[in-house]
Amino acid sequence: MTFYPTSKSSFPAQYAGDGFAAEHGSWNRANRGGYEVIRIPMKNGKATGEYEDFLTGFVTADGQVWGRPVGVTVGHDGALYVTDDGSRSVWRVTYTEK
Protein backbone atom coordinates (compact mmCIF):
# COMPACT_ATOMS: atom_id res chain seq x y z
CA MET A 1 0.00 0.00 0.00
CA THR A 2 1.15 3.53 -0.70
CA PHE A 3 -0.21 7.06 -0.52
CA TYR A 4 -0.17 9.30 -3.55
CA PRO A 5 1.86 12.47 -2.92
CA THR A 6 0.33 15.91 -2.72
CA SER A 7 3.28 17.39 -4.60
CA LYS A 8 5.13 16.30 -7.74
CA SER A 9 2.10 14.37 -8.92
CA SER A 10 1.07 13.58 -12.46
CA PHE A 11 -2.43 12.40 -11.61
CA PRO A 12 -5.36 14.83 -11.18
CA ALA A 13 -5.48 16.80 -7.92
CA GLN A 14 -8.32 14.64 -6.58
CA TYR A 15 -5.84 11.75 -6.14
CA ALA A 16 -3.50 13.71 -3.85
CA GLY A 17 -3.13 11.96 -0.50
CA ASP A 18 -5.26 8.94 -1.50
CA GLY A 19 -4.15 5.41 -0.71
CA PHE A 20 -3.51 2.70 -3.29
CA ALA A 21 -3.40 -0.96 -2.31
CA ALA A 22 -2.57 -4.11 -4.27
CA GLU A 23 -4.92 -7.04 -3.73
CA HIS A 24 -2.95 -10.18 -4.52
CA GLY A 25 -6.00 -12.40 -4.96
CA SER A 26 -7.28 -15.64 -3.49
CA TRP A 27 -6.11 -18.77 -5.23
CA ASN A 28 -8.36 -21.17 -3.31
CA ARG A 29 -11.85 -19.78 -4.01
CA ALA A 30 -14.31 -20.70 -6.73
CA ASN A 31 -15.14 -17.01 -7.22
CA ARG A 32 -11.92 -15.10 -7.69
CA GLY A 33 -11.48 -12.18 -5.33
CA GLY A 34 -8.80 -9.52 -5.35
CA TYR A 35 -6.43 -9.48 -8.32
CA GLU A 36 -6.60 -5.70 -8.58
CA VAL A 37 -5.31 -2.39 -7.28
CA ILE A 38 -7.80 -0.28 -5.37
CA ARG A 39 -7.90 3.44 -4.64
CA ILE A 40 -8.78 4.48 -1.10
CA PRO A 41 -10.09 8.06 -1.05
CA MET A 42 -8.87 10.16 1.87
CA LYS A 43 -10.33 13.33 3.36
CA ASN A 44 -8.38 15.41 5.88
CA GLY A 45 -5.86 12.60 6.23
CA LYS A 46 -8.45 9.90 7.03
CA ALA A 47 -10.00 7.20 4.89
CA THR A 48 -13.57 7.99 3.84
CA GLY A 49 -14.59 4.35 4.33
CA GLU A 50 -15.00 3.70 0.62
CA TYR A 51 -12.74 2.26 -2.03
CA GLU A 52 -12.85 1.95 -5.80
CA ASP A 53 -11.33 -0.36 -8.36
CA PHE A 54 -8.35 1.34 -9.95
CA LEU A 55 -6.41 -1.29 -11.92
CA THR A 56 -8.30 -4.45 -12.87
CA GLY A 57 -8.38 -7.09 -15.59
CA PHE A 58 -6.02 -9.68 -14.13
CA VAL A 59 -8.73 -12.37 -14.34
CA THR A 60 -10.13 -13.44 -17.71
CA ALA A 61 -13.85 -13.91 -18.40
CA ASP A 62 -13.47 -17.67 -17.95
CA GLY A 63 -11.86 -17.24 -14.51
CA GLN A 64 -8.22 -17.76 -15.47
CA VAL A 65 -5.68 -15.59 -13.69
CA TRP A 66 -2.80 -14.05 -15.62
CA GLY A 67 -1.56 -11.53 -13.06
CA ARG A 68 -1.43 -11.02 -9.29
CA PRO A 69 -0.63 -7.51 -8.00
CA VAL A 70 1.70 -7.59 -5.02
CA GLY A 71 2.86 -4.07 -4.22
CA VAL A 72 2.39 -0.51 -5.34
CA THR A 73 4.61 2.55 -5.06
CA VAL A 74 4.93 6.01 -6.56
CA GLY A 75 7.91 6.86 -8.72
CA HIS A 76 9.75 10.18 -8.92
CA ASP A 77 7.86 10.79 -12.17
CA GLY A 78 4.47 10.63 -10.40
CA ALA A 79 3.55 7.29 -12.00
CA LEU A 80 2.28 4.34 -9.96
CA TYR A 81 4.41 1.21 -10.21
CA VAL A 82 2.72 -2.12 -9.50
CA THR A 83 4.63 -5.36 -9.01
CA ASP A 84 2.89 -8.47 -10.32
CA ASP A 85 4.17 -11.92 -9.42
CA GLY A 86 1.65 -13.68 -11.69
CA SER A 87 3.12 -12.31 -14.91
CA ARG A 88 6.47 -11.41 -13.35
CA SER A 89 6.03 -7.80 -14.41
CA VAL A 90 6.26 -4.30 -13.07
CA TRP A 91 3.43 -2.17 -14.41
CA ARG A 92 3.88 1.59 -14.84
CA VAL A 93 0.54 3.40 -14.58
CA THR A 94 0.37 7.00 -15.75
CA TYR A 95 -2.35 9.56 -16.28
CA THR A 96 -3.06 11.00 -19.70
CA GLU A 97 -5.72 13.60 -20.23
CA LYS A 98 -8.74 12.76 -22.36
PDB file of N, CA and C in Angstrom:
ATOM      1  N   MET A   1       0.848  -1.174   0.000  1.00  0.00           N
ATOM      2  CA  MET A   1       0.000   0.000   0.000  1.00  0.00           C
ATOM      3  C   MET A   1       0.893   1.236   0.000  1.00  0.00           C
ATOM      4  N   THR A   2       0.417   2.273  -0.666  1.00  0.00           N
ATOM      5  CA  THR A   2       1.146   3.534  -0.703  1.00  0.00           C
ATOM      6  C   THR A   2       0.137   4.682  -0.729  1.00  0.00           C
ATOM      7  N   PHE A   3       0.630   5.861  -0.449  1.00  0.00           N
ATOM      8  CA  PHE A   3      -0.206   7.059  -0.516  1.00  0.00           C
ATOM      9  C   PHE A   3       0.328   7.951  -1.618  1.00  0.00           C
ATOM     10  N   TYR A   4      -0.579   8.457  -2.436  1.00  0.00           N
ATOM     11  CA  TYR A   4      -0.170   9.302  -3.547  1.00  0.00           C
ATOM     12  C   TYR A   4       0.235  10.664  -3.006  1.00  0.00           C
ATOM     13  N   PRO A   5       1.359  11.202  -3.477  1.00  0.00           N
ATOM     14  CA  PRO A   5       1.860  12.467  -2.918  1.00  0.00           C
ATOM     15  C   PRO A   5       0.965  13.660  -3.270  1.00  0.00           C
ATOM     16  N   THR A   6       1.078  14.670  -2.458  1.00  0.00           N
ATOM     17  CA  THR A   6       0.335  15.911  -2.721  1.00  0.00           C
ATOM     18  C   THR A   6       1.154  16.872  -3.567  1.00  0.00           C
ATOM     19  N   SER A   7       2.432  16.570  -3.737  1.00  0.00           N
ATOM     20  CA  SER A   7       3.281  17.391  -4.604  1.00  0.00           C
ATOM     21  C   SER A   7       3.967  16.482  -5.613  1.00  0.00           C
ATOM     22  N   LYS A   8       4.445  17.062  -6.686  1.00  0.00           N
ATOM     23  CA  LYS A   8       5.133  16.300  -7.742  1.00  0.00           C
ATOM     24  C   LYS A   8       4.267  15.160  -8.272  1.00  0.00           C
ATOM     25  N   SER A   9       2.988  15.412  -8.429  1.00  0.00           N
ATOM     26  CA  SER A   9       2.104  14.375  -8.916  1.00  0.00           C
ATOM     27  C   SER A   9       1.799  14.570 -10.390  1.00  0.00           C
ATOM     28  N   SER A  10       1.469  13.494 -11.062  1.00  0.00           N
ATOM     29  CA  SER A  10       1.070  13.580 -12.460  1.00  0.00           C
ATOM     30  C   SER A  10      -0.391  13.207 -12.638  1.00  0.00           C
ATOM     31  N   PHE A  11      -1.013  12.728 -11.579  1.00  0.00           N
ATOM     32  CA  PHE A  11      -2.428  12.401 -11.614  1.00  0.00           C
ATOM     33  C   PHE A  11      -3.230  13.658 -11.263  1.00  0.00           C
ATOM     34  N   PRO A  12      -4.536  13.666 -11.536  1.00  0.00           N
ATOM     35  CA  PRO A  12      -5.362  14.832 -11.176  1.00  0.00           C
ATOM     36  C   PRO A  12      -5.305  15.119  -9.673  1.00  0.00           C
ATOM     37  N   ALA A  13      -5.574  16.354  -9.311  1.00  0.00           N
ATOM     38  CA  ALA A  13      -5.483  16.804  -7.916  1.00  0.00           C
ATOM     39  C   ALA A  13      -6.340  15.964  -6.976  1.00  0.00           C
ATOM     40  N   GLN A  14      -7.438  15.418  -7.451  1.00  0.00           N
ATOM     41  CA  GLN A  14      -8.324  14.639  -6.579  1.00  0.00           C
ATOM     42  C   GLN A  14      -7.675  13.363  -6.039  1.00  0.00           C
ATOM     43  N   TYR A  15      -6.547  12.950  -6.613  1.00  0.00           N
ATOM     44  CA  TYR A  15      -5.835  11.753  -6.143  1.00  0.00           C
ATOM     45  C   TYR A  15      -4.829  12.064  -5.036  1.00  0.00           C
ATOM     46  N   ALA A  16      -4.513  13.316  -4.832  1.00  0.00           N
ATOM     47  CA  ALA A  16      -3.495  13.709  -3.849  1.00  0.00           C
ATOM     48  C   ALA A  16      -3.853  13.207  -2.459  1.00  0.00           C
ATOM     49  N   GLY A  17      -2.936  12.477  -1.852  1.00  0.00           N
ATOM     50  CA  GLY A  17      -3.126  11.956  -0.501  1.00  0.00           C
ATOM     51  C   GLY A  17      -3.896  10.655  -0.422  1.00  0.00           C
ATOM     52  N   ASP A  18      -4.478  10.184  -1.520  1.00  0.00           N
ATOM     53  CA  ASP A  18      -5.260   8.944  -1.496  1.00  0.00           C
ATOM     54  C   ASP A  18      -4.344   7.729  -1.378  1.00  0.00           C
ATOM     55  N   GLY A  19      -4.876   6.663  -0.832  1.00  0.00           N
ATOM     56  CA  GLY A  19      -4.147   5.410  -0.712  1.00  0.00           C
ATOM     57  C   GLY A  19      -4.388   4.522  -1.919  1.00  0.00           C
ATOM     58  N   PHE A  20      -3.392   3.715  -2.243  1.00  0.00           N
ATOM     59  CA  PHE A  20      -3.513   2.705  -3.288  1.00  0.00           C
ATOM     60  C   PHE A  20      -3.000   1.394  -2.706  1.00  0.00           C
ATOM     61  N   ALA A  21      -3.768   0.333  -2.884  1.00  0.00           N
ATOM     62  CA  ALA A  21      -3.397  -0.960  -2.306  1.00  0.00           C
ATOM     63  C   ALA A  21      -3.520  -2.060  -3.355  1.00  0.00           C
ATOM     64  N   ALA A  22      -2.536  -2.941  -3.393  1.00  0.00           N
ATOM     65  CA  ALA A  22      -2.567  -4.105  -4.273  1.00  0.00           C
ATOM     66  C   ALA A  22      -3.291  -5.234  -3.548  1.00  0.00           C
ATOM     67  N   GLU A  23      -4.226  -5.855  -4.250  1.00  0.00           N
ATOM     68  CA  GLU A  23      -4.917  -7.035  -3.725  1.00  0.00           C
ATOM     69  C   GLU A  23      -4.437  -8.242  -4.526  1.00  0.00           C
ATOM     70  N   HIS A  24      -3.649  -9.069  -3.879  1.00  0.00           N
ATOM     71  CA  HIS A  24      -2.951 -10.179  -4.522  1.00  0.00           C
ATOM     72  C   HIS A  24      -3.908 -11.214  -5.100  1.00  0.00           C
ATOM     73  N   GLY A  25      -5.029 -11.431  -4.477  1.00  0.00           N
ATOM     74  CA  GLY A  25      -6.003 -12.402  -4.960  1.00  0.00           C
ATOM     75  C   GLY A  25      -5.979 -13.695  -4.181  1.00  0.00           C
ATOM     76  N   SER A  26      -7.115 -14.385  -4.224  1.00  0.00           N
ATOM     77  CA  SER A  26      -7.276 -15.641  -3.488  1.00  0.00           C
ATOM     78  C   SER A  26      -7.229 -16.800  -4.478  1.00  0.00           C
ATOM     79  N   TRP A  27      -6.295 -17.656  -4.311  1.00  0.00           N
ATOM     80  CA  TRP A  27      -6.108 -18.774  -5.234  1.00  0.00           C
ATOM     81  C   TRP A  27      -7.040 -19.938  -4.936  1.00  0.00           C
ATOM     82  N   ASN A  28      -7.603 -19.991  -3.725  1.00  0.00           N
ATOM     83  CA  ASN A  28      -8.358 -21.169  -3.307  1.00  0.00           C
ATOM     84  C   ASN A  28      -9.866 -20.925  -3.197  1.00  0.00           C
ATOM     85  N   ARG A  29     -10.405 -20.027  -4.000  1.00  0.00           N
ATOM     86  CA  ARG A  29     -11.848 -19.775  -4.007  1.00  0.00           C
ATOM     87  C   ARG A  29     -12.413 -20.025  -5.394  1.00  0.00           C
ATOM     88  N   ALA A  30     -13.655 -20.499  -5.438  1.00  0.00           N
ATOM     89  CA  ALA A  30     -14.312 -20.703  -6.731  1.00  0.00           C
ATOM     90  C   ALA A  30     -14.533 -19.369  -7.426  1.00  0.00           C
ATOM     91  N   ASN A  31     -14.972 -18.360  -6.676  1.00  0.00           N
ATOM     92  CA  ASN A  31     -15.137 -17.011  -7.220  1.00  0.00           C
ATOM     93  C   ASN A  31     -13.888 -16.213  -6.880  1.00  0.00           C
ATOM     94  N   ARG A  32     -13.177 -15.816  -7.894  1.00  0.00           N
ATOM     95  CA  ARG A  32     -11.922 -15.101  -7.694  1.00  0.00           C
ATOM     96  C   ARG A  32     -12.162 -13.756  -7.030  1.00  0.00           C
ATOM     97  N   GLY A  33     -11.400 -13.461  -6.012  1.00  0.00           N
ATOM     98  CA  GLY A  33     -11.481 -12.175  -5.327  1.00  0.00           C
ATOM     99  C   GLY A  33     -10.110 -11.531  -5.273  1.00  0.00           C
ATOM    100  N   GLY A  34     -10.079 -10.223  -5.341  1.00  0.00           N
ATOM    101  CA  GLY A  34      -8.801  -9.522  -5.346  1.00  0.00           C
ATOM    102  C   GLY A  34      -8.313  -9.338  -6.766  1.00  0.00           C
ATOM    103  N   TYR A  35      -7.032  -9.602  -6.988  1.00  0.00           N
ATOM    104  CA  TYR A  35      -6.433  -9.480  -8.320  1.00  0.00           C
ATOM    105  C   TYR A  35      -6.646  -8.093  -8.910  1.00  0.00           C
ATOM    106  N   GLU A  36      -6.401  -7.072  -8.118  1.00  0.00           N
ATOM    107  CA  GLU A  36      -6.603  -5.699  -8.577  1.00  0.00           C
ATOM    108  C   GLU A  36      -5.844  -4.727  -7.686  1.00  0.00           C
ATOM    109  N   VAL A  37      -5.812  -3.487  -8.100  1.00  0.00           N
ATOM    110  CA  VAL A  37      -5.309  -2.394  -7.277  1.00  0.00           C
ATOM    111  C   VAL A  37      -6.508  -1.495  -7.007  1.00  0.00           C
ATOM    112  N   ILE A  38      -6.689  -1.142  -5.743  1.00  0.00           N
ATOM    113  CA  ILE A  38      -7.803  -0.277  -5.373  1.00  0.00           C
ATOM    114  C   ILE A  38      -7.303   1.095  -4.951  1.00  0.00           C
ATOM    115  N   ARG A  39      -8.161   2.071  -5.109  1.00  0.00           N
ATOM    116  CA  ARG A  39      -7.899   3.437  -4.637  1.00  0.00           C
ATOM    117  C   ARG A  39      -8.738   3.654  -3.391  1.00  0.00           C
ATOM    118  N   ILE A  40      -8.114   4.215  -2.365  1.00  0.00           N
ATOM    119  CA  ILE A  40      -8.784   4.480  -1.097  1.00  0.00           C
ATOM    120  C   ILE A  40      -8.836   5.990  -0.912  1.00  0.00           C
ATOM    121  N   PRO A  41      -9.990   6.608  -1.192  1.00  0.00           N
ATOM    122  CA  PRO A  41     -10.094   8.061  -1.045  1.00  0.00           C
ATOM    123  C   PRO A  41      -9.874   8.499   0.404  1.00  0.00           C
ATOM    124  N   MET A  42      -9.158   9.603   0.550  1.00  0.00           N
ATOM    125  CA  MET A  42      -8.866  10.163   1.868  1.00  0.00           C
ATOM    126  C   MET A  42      -9.447  11.574   1.936  1.00  0.00           C
ATOM    127  N   LYS A  43      -9.856  11.962   3.131  1.00  0.00           N
ATOM    128  CA  LYS A  43     -10.328  13.328   3.357  1.00  0.00           C
ATOM    129  C   LYS A  43      -9.759  13.783   4.691  1.00  0.00           C
ATOM    130  N   ASN A  44      -9.039  14.894   4.678  1.00  0.00           N
ATOM    131  CA  ASN A  44      -8.383  15.414   5.878  1.00  0.00           C
ATOM    132  C   ASN A  44      -7.496  14.367   6.542  1.00  0.00           C
ATOM    133  N   GLY A  45      -6.803  13.586   5.719  1.00  0.00           N
ATOM    134  CA  GLY A  45      -5.861  12.600   6.232  1.00  0.00           C
ATOM    135  C   GLY A  45      -6.476  11.316   6.758  1.00  0.00           C
ATOM    136  N   LYS A  46      -7.781  11.110   6.550  1.00  0.00           N
ATOM    137  CA  LYS A  46      -8.451   9.897   7.030  1.00  0.00           C
ATOM    138  C   LYS A  46      -9.217   9.248   5.888  1.00  0.00           C
ATOM    139  N   ALA A  47      -9.253   7.935   5.910  1.00  0.00           N
ATOM    140  CA  ALA A  47      -9.999   7.203   4.890  1.00  0.00           C
ATOM    141  C   ALA A  47     -11.480   7.525   5.001  1.00  0.00           C
ATOM    142  N   THR A  48     -12.133   7.673   3.845  1.00  0.00           N
ATOM    143  CA  THR A  48     -13.566   7.990   3.839  1.00  0.00           C
ATOM    144  C   THR A  48     -14.425   6.770   4.123  1.00  0.00           C
ATOM    145  N   GLY A  49     -13.833   5.575   4.096  1.00  0.00           N
ATOM    146  CA  GLY A  49     -14.588   4.346   4.326  1.00  0.00           C
ATOM    147  C   GLY A  49     -15.026   3.676   3.032  1.00  0.00           C
ATOM    148  N   GLU A  50     -14.660   4.263   1.917  1.00  0.00           N
ATOM    149  CA  GLU A  50     -14.997   3.702   0.619  1.00  0.00           C
ATOM    150  C   GLU A  50     -13.710   3.291  -0.086  1.00  0.00           C
ATOM    151  N   TYR A  51     -13.861   2.540  -1.149  1.00  0.00           N
ATOM    152  CA  TYR A  51     -12.739   2.256  -2.035  1.00  0.00           C
ATOM    153  C   TYR A  51     -13.292   2.064  -3.439  1.00  0.00           C
ATOM    154  N   GLU A  52     -12.419   2.169  -4.425  1.00  0.00           N
ATOM    155  CA  GLU A  52     -12.853   1.948  -5.802  1.00  0.00           C
ATOM    156  C   GLU A  52     -11.794   1.159  -6.545  1.00  0.00           C
ATOM    157  N   ASP A  53     -12.253   0.367  -7.500  1.00  0.00           N
ATOM    158  CA  ASP A  53     -11.329  -0.355  -8.362  1.00  0.00           C
ATOM    159  C   ASP A  53     -10.511   0.657  -9.151  1.00  0.00           C
ATOM    160  N   PHE A  54      -9.224   0.436  -9.215  1.00  0.00           N
ATOM    161  CA  PHE A  54      -8.347   1.340  -9.948  1.00  0.00           C
ATOM    162  C   PHE A  54      -7.667   0.634 -11.119  1.00  0.00           C
ATOM    163  N   LEU A  55      -7.092  -0.523 -10.878  1.00  0.00           N
ATOM    164  CA  LEU A  55      -6.411  -1.286 -11.923  1.00  0.00           C
ATOM    165  C   LEU A  55      -6.933  -2.713 -11.846  1.00  0.00           C
ATOM    166  N   THR A  56      -7.660  -3.130 -12.868  1.00  0.00           N
ATOM    167  CA  THR A  56      -8.298  -4.448 -12.871  1.00  0.00           C
ATOM    168  C   THR A  56      -7.949  -5.186 -14.164  1.00  0.00           C
ATOM    169  N   GLY A  57      -8.559  -6.335 -14.349  1.00  0.00           N
ATOM    170  CA  GLY A  57      -8.380  -7.087 -15.591  1.00  0.00           C
ATOM    171  C   GLY A  57      -7.387  -8.226 -15.496  1.00  0.00           C
ATOM    172  N   PHE A  58      -6.988  -8.604 -14.295  1.00  0.00           N
ATOM    173  CA  PHE A  58      -6.016  -9.679 -14.126  1.00  0.00           C
ATOM    174  C   PHE A  58      -6.662 -11.068 -14.151  1.00  0.00           C
ATOM    175  N   VAL A  59      -7.996 -11.111 -14.245  1.00  0.00           N
ATOM    176  CA  VAL A  59      -8.731 -12.374 -14.342  1.00  0.00           C
ATOM    177  C   VAL A  59      -9.527 -12.332 -15.642  1.00  0.00           C
ATOM    178  N   THR A  60      -9.405 -13.385 -16.441  1.00  0.00           N
ATOM    179  CA  THR A  60     -10.129 -13.438 -17.708  1.00  0.00           C
ATOM    180  C   THR A  60     -11.600 -13.782 -17.462  1.00  0.00           C
ATOM    181  N   ALA A  61     -12.412 -13.639 -18.505  1.00  0.00           N
ATOM    182  CA  ALA A  61     -13.853 -13.909 -18.399  1.00  0.00           C
ATOM    183  C   ALA A  61     -14.138 -15.349 -17.974  1.00  0.00           C
ATOM    184  N   ASP A  62     -13.255 -16.269 -18.334  1.00  0.00           N
ATOM    185  CA  ASP A  62     -13.474 -17.672 -17.952  1.00  0.00           C
ATOM    186  C   ASP A  62     -12.837 -18.031 -16.604  1.00  0.00           C
ATOM    187  N   GLY A  63     -12.367 -17.020 -15.856  1.00  0.00           N
ATOM    188  CA  GLY A  63     -11.862 -17.244 -14.507  1.00  0.00           C
ATOM    189  C   GLY A  63     -10.384 -17.555 -14.405  1.00  0.00           C
ATOM    190  N   GLN A  64      -9.667 -17.506 -15.507  1.00  0.00           N
ATOM    191  CA  GLN A  64      -8.221 -17.758 -15.475  1.00  0.00           C
ATOM    192  C   GLN A  64      -7.495 -16.500 -15.017  1.00  0.00           C
ATOM    193  N   VAL A  65      -6.465 -16.703 -14.226  1.00  0.00           N
ATOM    194  CA  VAL A  65      -5.676 -15.591 -13.687  1.00  0.00           C
ATOM    195  C   VAL A  65      -4.383 -15.469 -14.470  1.00  0.00           C
ATOM    196  N   TRP A  66      -4.057 -14.261 -14.919  1.00  0.00           N
ATOM    197  CA  TRP A  66      -2.796 -14.051 -15.625  1.00  0.00           C
ATOM    198  C   TRP A  66      -1.891 -13.065 -14.902  1.00  0.00           C
ATOM    199  N   GLY A  67      -2.381 -12.470 -13.815  1.00  0.00           N
ATOM    200  CA  GLY A  67      -1.565 -11.535 -13.056  1.00  0.00           C
ATOM    201  C   GLY A  67      -2.046 -11.442 -11.617  1.00  0.00           C
ATOM    202  N   ARG A  68      -1.107 -11.150 -10.716  1.00  0.00           N
ATOM    203  CA  ARG A  68      -1.432 -11.024  -9.286  1.00  0.00           C
ATOM    204  C   ARG A  68      -0.654  -9.844  -8.710  1.00  0.00           C
ATOM    205  N   PRO A  69      -1.318  -8.678  -8.568  1.00  0.00           N
ATOM    206  CA  PRO A  69      -0.635  -7.511  -8.003  1.00  0.00           C
ATOM    207  C   PRO A  69      -0.131  -7.791  -6.590  1.00  0.00           C
ATOM    208  N   VAL A  70       1.084  -7.349  -6.319  1.00  0.00           N
ATOM    209  CA  VAL A  70       1.698  -7.591  -5.018  1.00  0.00           C
ATOM    210  C   VAL A  70       1.921  -6.294  -4.255  1.00  0.00           C
ATOM    211  N   GLY A  71       2.533  -5.320  -4.903  1.00  0.00           N
ATOM    212  CA  GLY A  71       2.860  -4.071  -4.224  1.00  0.00           C
ATOM    213  C   GLY A  71       2.670  -2.898  -5.151  1.00  0.00           C
ATOM    214  N   VAL A  72       2.567  -1.720  -4.563  1.00  0.00           N
ATOM    215  CA  VAL A  72       2.385  -0.505  -5.345  1.00  0.00           C
ATOM    216  C   VAL A  72       3.196   0.614  -4.699  1.00  0.00           C
ATOM    217  N   THR A  73       3.832   1.418  -5.541  1.00  0.00           N
ATOM    218  CA  THR A  73       4.608   2.550  -5.057  1.00  0.00           C
ATOM    219  C   THR A  73       4.509   3.674  -6.077  1.00  0.00           C
ATOM    220  N   VAL A  74       4.944   4.840  -5.671  1.00  0.00           N
ATOM    221  CA  VAL A  74       4.929   6.007  -6.557  1.00  0.00           C
ATOM    222  C   VAL A  74       6.369   6.340  -6.939  1.00  0.00           C
ATOM    223  N   GLY A  75       6.592   6.510  -8.236  1.00  0.00           N
ATOM    224  CA  GLY A  75       7.913   6.860  -8.721  1.00  0.00           C
ATOM    225  C   GLY A  75       8.143   8.363  -8.686  1.00  0.00           C
ATOM    226  N   HIS A  76       9.392   8.753  -8.895  1.00  0.00           N
ATOM    227  CA  HIS A  76       9.750  10.180  -8.922  1.00  0.00           C
ATOM    228  C   HIS A  76       9.029  10.926 -10.037  1.00  0.00           C
ATOM    229  N   ASP A  77       8.565  10.181 -11.040  1.00  0.00           N
ATOM    230  CA  ASP A  77       7.858  10.786 -12.173  1.00  0.00           C
ATOM    231  C   ASP A  77       6.361  10.936 -11.916  1.00  0.00           C
ATOM    232  N   GLY A  78       5.886  10.534 -10.740  1.00  0.00           N
ATOM    233  CA  GLY A  78       4.465  10.633 -10.403  1.00  0.00           C
ATOM    234  C   GLY A  78       3.640   9.450 -10.864  1.00  0.00           C
ATOM    235  N   ALA A  79       4.253   8.486 -11.552  1.00  0.00           N
ATOM    236  CA  ALA A  79       3.549   7.287 -11.998  1.00  0.00           C
ATOM    237  C   ALA A  79       3.415   6.303 -10.841  1.00  0.00           C
ATOM    238  N   LEU A  80       2.399   5.451 -10.901  1.00  0.00           N
ATOM    239  CA  LEU A  80       2.284   4.341  -9.958  1.00  0.00           C
ATOM    240  C   LEU A  80       2.991   3.142 -10.574  1.00  0.00           C
ATOM    241  N   TYR A  81       3.747   2.427  -9.773  1.00  0.00           N
ATOM    242  CA  TYR A  81       4.412   1.212 -10.207  1.00  0.00           C
ATOM    243  C   TYR A  81       3.832   0.055  -9.413  1.00  0.00           C
ATOM    244  N   VAL A  82       3.383  -0.976 -10.124  1.00  0.00           N
ATOM    245  CA  VAL A  82       2.717  -2.121  -9.503  1.00  0.00           C
ATOM    246  C   VAL A  82       3.528  -3.372  -9.823  1.00  0.00           C
ATOM    247  N   THR A  83       3.952  -4.089  -8.801  1.00  0.00           N
ATOM    248  CA  THR A  83       4.628  -5.361  -9.014  1.00  0.00           C
ATOM    249  C   THR A  83       3.576  -6.454  -9.129  1.00  0.00           C
ATOM    250  N   ASP A  84       3.846  -7.408  -9.995  1.00  0.00           N
ATOM    251  CA  ASP A  84       2.890  -8.466 -10.317  1.00  0.00           C
ATOM    252  C   ASP A  84       3.659  -9.782 -10.378  1.00  0.00           C
ATOM    253  N   ASP A  85       3.418 -10.668  -9.413  1.00  0.00           N
ATOM    254  CA  ASP A  85       4.168 -11.919  -9.416  1.00  0.00           C
ATOM    255  C   ASP A  85       3.484 -13.006 -10.243  1.00  0.00           C
ATOM    256  N   GLY A  86       2.302 -12.727 -10.797  1.00  0.00           N
ATOM    257  CA  GLY A  86       1.654 -13.679 -11.691  1.00  0.00           C
ATOM    258  C   GLY A  86       2.275 -13.641 -13.077  1.00  0.00           C
ATOM    259  N   SER A  87       2.504 -12.448 -13.589  1.00  0.00           N
ATOM    260  CA  SER A  87       3.118 -12.306 -14.914  1.00  0.00           C
ATOM    261  C   SER A  87       4.594 -11.926 -14.823  1.00  0.00           C
ATOM    262  N   ARG A  88       5.080 -11.801 -13.592  1.00  0.00           N
ATOM    263  CA  ARG A  88       6.472 -11.407 -13.350  1.00  0.00           C
ATOM    264  C   ARG A  88       6.792 -10.089 -14.043  1.00  0.00           C
ATOM    265  N   SER A  89       5.918  -9.107 -13.772  1.00  0.00           N
ATOM    266  CA  SER A  89       6.030  -7.798 -14.410  1.00  0.00           C
ATOM    267  C   SER A  89       6.014  -6.687 -13.380  1.00  0.00           C
ATOM    268  N   VAL A  90       6.461  -5.531 -13.809  1.00  0.00           N
ATOM    269  CA  VAL A  90       6.255  -4.295 -13.066  1.00  0.00           C
ATOM    270  C   VAL A  90       5.480  -3.385 -14.010  1.00  0.00           C
ATOM    271  N   TRP A  91       4.296  -3.002 -13.594  1.00  0.00           N
ATOM    272  CA  TRP A  91       3.428  -2.165 -14.413  1.00  0.00           C
ATOM    273  C   TRP A  91       3.649  -0.698 -14.045  1.00  0.00           C
ATOM    274  N   ARG A  92       3.767   0.147 -15.039  1.00  0.00           N
ATOM    275  CA  ARG A  92       3.875   1.588 -14.842  1.00  0.00           C
ATOM    276  C   ARG A  92       2.551   2.199 -15.264  1.00  0.00           C
ATOM    277  N   VAL A  93       1.866   2.840 -14.329  1.00  0.00           N
ATOM    278  CA  VAL A  93       0.542   3.404 -14.579  1.00  0.00           C
ATOM    279  C   VAL A  93       0.659   4.919 -14.546  1.00  0.00           C
ATOM    280  N   THR A  94       0.288   5.552 -15.651  1.00  0.00           N
ATOM    281  CA  THR A  94       0.370   7.001 -15.753  1.00  0.00           C
ATOM    282  C   THR A  94      -1.007   7.571 -16.093  1.00  0.00           C
ATOM    283  N   TYR A  95      -1.113   8.864 -15.935  1.00  0.00           N
ATOM    284  CA  TYR A  95      -2.347   9.564 -16.276  1.00  0.00           C
ATOM    285  C   TYR A  95      -2.133  10.337 -17.568  1.00  0.00           C
ATOM    286  N   THR A  96      -3.062  10.187 -18.489  1.00  0.00           N
ATOM    287  CA  THR A  96      -3.065  11.001 -19.701  1.00  0.00           C
ATOM    288  C   THR A  96      -4.437  11.637 -19.818  1.00  0.00           C
ATOM    289  N   GLU A  97      -4.450  12.896 -20.124  1.00  0.00           N
ATOM    290  CA  GLU A  97      -5.722  13.604 -20.227  1.00  0.00           C
ATOM    291  C   GLU A  97      -6.513  13.080 -21.400  1.00  0.00           C
ATOM    292  N   LYS A  98      -7.842  13.212 -21.278  1.00  0.00           N
ATOM    293  CA  LYS A  98      -8.735  12.763 -22.356  1.00  0.00           C
ATOM    294  C   LYS A  98      -8.724  13.744 -23.491  1.00  0.00           C
TER     295      LYS A  98
END
